[in-house]
């Protein structure tokens, strides 16, 4: 009986949704760990060279995992189109790899550091095609746990390969090698799960039909990729790789801290708001979205405040003293991630109320605002790039917040009060840093930083408990 009760209690933790959330969080933590490992072996210049090449590879590969990928998920007749979709994905990946190689030639060819790195990662989009093809079939077959966990397995083996390669003295090339290990792991695992090979068949009509799904999604993907990596690319165009390294390492901490909060809240929001949409409960959508914003701010804003105020000791302790240039970047980007909450949670609210076109226009405007800010301010240095991201994020979050509030019929008071719990907790946790500063000043850096983090965490936990008890915020339900 006790074993049965325990099994029932643990069952939600093994649900496809819970596994998906855990896999996403695990992937973020592994990506952060990779930067920590790199900091022990590389300078900012070498890491910046890798960051530029990896940004290009991620952008090119993202088009493999969207567009025709989603067309495969939506296809009415899988057998009629599955082989065609494999070959058109090959064409998309080949184009991405060719662009990476061309970019490598432009910046100096294989003999130049960035040129050589771009050439080295150029095959990665093609290597991702069979994995993406297999993964889409897993999702379509309802094998969500397998689809989520294979990604985590690839990242874990990639991290292990990076540690071994960097310890062996391979430097920058060790990081690139780790990406091949991660990709090959995904290929082997998904191929073993799906057990299907593409056939030499191509139907032009199926390709045209799939293209109607692909093109709008590629537009959204392009905007999203520029939002994520635009600063890296602009810095690489105007400054030395070390500037990219400083920016990307600071961004890695800020992004990891925020995505651990925002990704689960967004995923839960999608599931719940989609159900409310099917039920026709427009008021429920408004209440639910407001609750998601309140919870996300209460969790993220205190953490962002701590990151901003403790950026310098955190960078020195987590990375390396030689990476100190990342500290002001982290401080500024922590603010940007805090401001991004309305924009990050906008999509499910607008899509589930039939305003998908508005969502796309807002994303497009966000990309344009970021480009303008980067070209006018961000090209002068990593800290300036961080401020460009923060300014554009803050401005567009206000625009997105106003748009969602209008669509959902939320009053200005209802919107403002959603941010009060997070603002209060951030003020308390931030004040604790200043209050404790004199007391911990004689301590070693590690002990002083741990004392700050422990006090901040205790105050945050107590505040969250009070807010839950008073029902000011609540955990989201599917």
Foldseek 3Di string as FASTA:
>chain_A
DVVVVVCVVCVVCPDLLNLLLVLVLLLLVLVLVLQLLLLVQDFLQLLLLLLLLVLLLVLLLVLLLAQLLVVCLPDPDNVVCLLQSLVVSLVSLLVSLVVLQVVLVVVPDCVDSSSVSSNLSSCVSNLCSLLSSLLSVCVSVVVSNLSSVLLSVLSVQLSVQLNVCSVVVVRSVSNSVSSVSSSVSSNVSSCVVRVDDRDPDHDVVSVVVSNVRRPVGSLLSVLVSCLVCVLSVLQVVQHRSSLSSLQVSLVSVLCSLLCSLLVSLLSLLLVVLLVCLVVVNLLVNVVSLLLSLLVSLLRLLQVLLLCLVCQQLCCCVSRNNSSSSNSLSNNLLSLQSSLQSQVSNLVSLCVSLVNNVVNSVLSVVLSVQLVVQCVVFSNPGSNSNSVSSSVSSNVSSVVSLVVSCVSSVNDPVSNVLSNVSSVVLNVVLNVLLVVCCVVCVVPPSVVSSVVSVVVSVVSSVVSVVVCVVVVVHDDRDD
